[in-house]
Protein backbone atom coordinates (compact mmCIF):
# COMPACT_ATOMS: atom_id res chain seq x y z
CA MET A 1 1.75 9.62 -3.17
CA LYS A 2 -1.81 9.68 -3.90
CA GLU A 3 -4.58 8.66 -1.49
CA LEU A 4 -7.19 6.50 -2.34
CA THR A 5 -10.85 6.56 -1.10
CA ASN A 6 -13.87 4.47 -1.73
CA GLU A 7 -14.67 6.19 -4.94
CA ASN A 8 -11.53 5.71 -6.68
CA PHE A 9 -9.88 2.61 -5.15
CA ASN A 10 -11.26 -0.18 -7.75
CA GLU A 11 -10.32 2.14 -10.68
CA GLU A 12 -6.80 2.80 -9.40
CA ILE A 13 -5.91 -0.84 -8.73
CA LYS A 14 -6.78 -2.27 -12.06
CA LYS A 15 -3.47 -0.60 -13.53
CA ASP A 16 -0.71 -2.68 -14.44
CA ILE A 17 0.89 -2.93 -10.89
CA ILE A 18 0.28 -0.94 -7.81
CA LEU A 19 1.43 -1.26 -4.17
CA VAL A 20 -1.36 0.23 -1.81
CA ASP A 21 0.07 0.84 1.65
CA PHE A 22 -2.84 0.71 4.47
CA PHE A 23 -1.83 2.89 7.18
CA ALA A 24 -2.90 5.42 9.91
CA ASN A 25 -1.31 8.74 10.72
CA TRP A 26 -0.96 7.76 14.35
CA CYS A 27 0.86 4.48 13.67
CA GLY A 28 4.62 4.83 14.42
CA PRO A 29 5.43 1.72 11.88
CA CYS A 30 3.46 3.56 9.18
CA LYS A 31 5.41 6.69 9.77
CA MET A 32 8.71 4.79 9.41
CA MET A 33 7.49 3.40 6.26
CA HIS A 34 6.77 6.89 4.79
CA PRO A 35 10.41 7.58 3.61
CA ILE A 36 10.86 4.20 2.32
CA LEU A 37 7.76 4.05 0.11
CA GLU A 38 8.77 7.42 -1.21
CA GLN A 39 12.19 6.11 -2.41
CA PHE A 40 10.34 3.17 -3.65
CA ASN A 41 8.07 4.91 -5.38
CA ASN A 42 10.53 7.26 -7.02
CA ASP A 43 13.21 4.47 -7.99
CA THR A 44 10.77 1.88 -9.46
CA LYS A 45 8.08 1.99 -12.15
CA ILE A 46 5.56 0.48 -9.51
CA GLU A 47 3.20 3.34 -8.48
CA VAL A 48 2.42 3.66 -4.44
CA LEU A 49 -0.99 4.45 -3.35
CA LYS A 50 -2.23 4.95 -0.14
CA VAL A 51 -5.35 4.18 2.02
CA ASP A 52 -5.84 5.81 5.47
CA VAL A 53 -7.64 2.89 7.53
CA ASP A 54 -9.07 5.37 9.83
CA LYS A 55 -11.17 7.12 6.96
CA PHE A 56 -11.83 4.21 4.95
CA GLU A 57 -12.41 1.14 7.03
CA GLU A 58 -14.58 -0.47 4.89
CA LEU A 59 -11.73 -0.80 2.28
CA ALA A 60 -9.45 -1.79 5.10
CA ARG A 61 -11.80 -4.81 6.15
CA GLU A 62 -12.69 -5.67 2.40
CA TYR A 63 -8.91 -6.59 2.14
CA GLY A 64 -8.42 -8.32 5.36
CA VAL A 65 -6.34 -5.70 6.85
CA MET A 66 -5.84 -6.38 10.46
CA SER A 67 -2.86 -4.47 11.45
CA ILE A 68 -0.81 -1.84 10.03
CA PRO A 69 1.01 -1.06 7.86
CA THR A 70 -0.28 -3.59 5.38
CA LEU A 71 1.19 -3.27 1.83
CA ILE A 72 -0.68 -5.23 -0.78
CA LEU A 73 0.93 -5.54 -4.75
CA PHE A 74 -2.03 -5.45 -7.16
CA GLU A 75 -1.67 -6.67 -10.59
CA LYS A 76 -4.56 -5.59 -12.76
CA GLY A 77 -6.91 -5.52 -10.03
CA ASN A 78 -6.02 -9.02 -8.51
CA ILE A 79 -3.64 -9.50 -5.34
CA LYS A 80 -0.30 -10.52 -5.95
CA ILE A 81 1.23 -10.01 -2.60
CA LYS A 82 0.13 -8.98 0.71
CA LYS A 83 2.75 -8.23 3.52
CA THR A 84 2.27 -6.77 6.88
CA GLY A 85 4.56 -4.63 9.11
CA PHE A 86 7.31 -2.39 8.35
CA GLN A 87 9.17 -3.47 5.24
CA THR A 88 12.78 -2.28 4.37
CA LEU A 89 13.56 -1.02 1.06
CA ASP A 90 15.56 -3.93 0.13
CA GLU A 91 12.56 -6.05 1.33
CA LEU A 92 10.33 -4.29 -0.50
CA ASN A 93 12.27 -4.31 -3.69
CA ASN A 94 12.83 -8.48 -3.39
CA TRP A 95 9.06 -9.01 -3.08
CA THR A 96 7.82 -6.93 -5.71
CA LYS A 97 10.18 -8.26 -8.56
């Protein structure tokens, strides 16, 4: 999964449908989410991209990320759904339909 930066974030989220995972390397639930997001990325047409909130605090602030993991589904640059906390694969599949 590709990591986003300040430089490429706005361009990447303009694609059809993108799921962005706001995470931190030290976050336990974020670590638990990683294999689920990898499977979701492989099983669906929705690309999963990641933002390290420690490296890119300004992106986290801009999108109102108060706790992690936070997942935001973008459709052509617009926020469609925002979820906070651990999500199972079934939950991801349900709310990204």
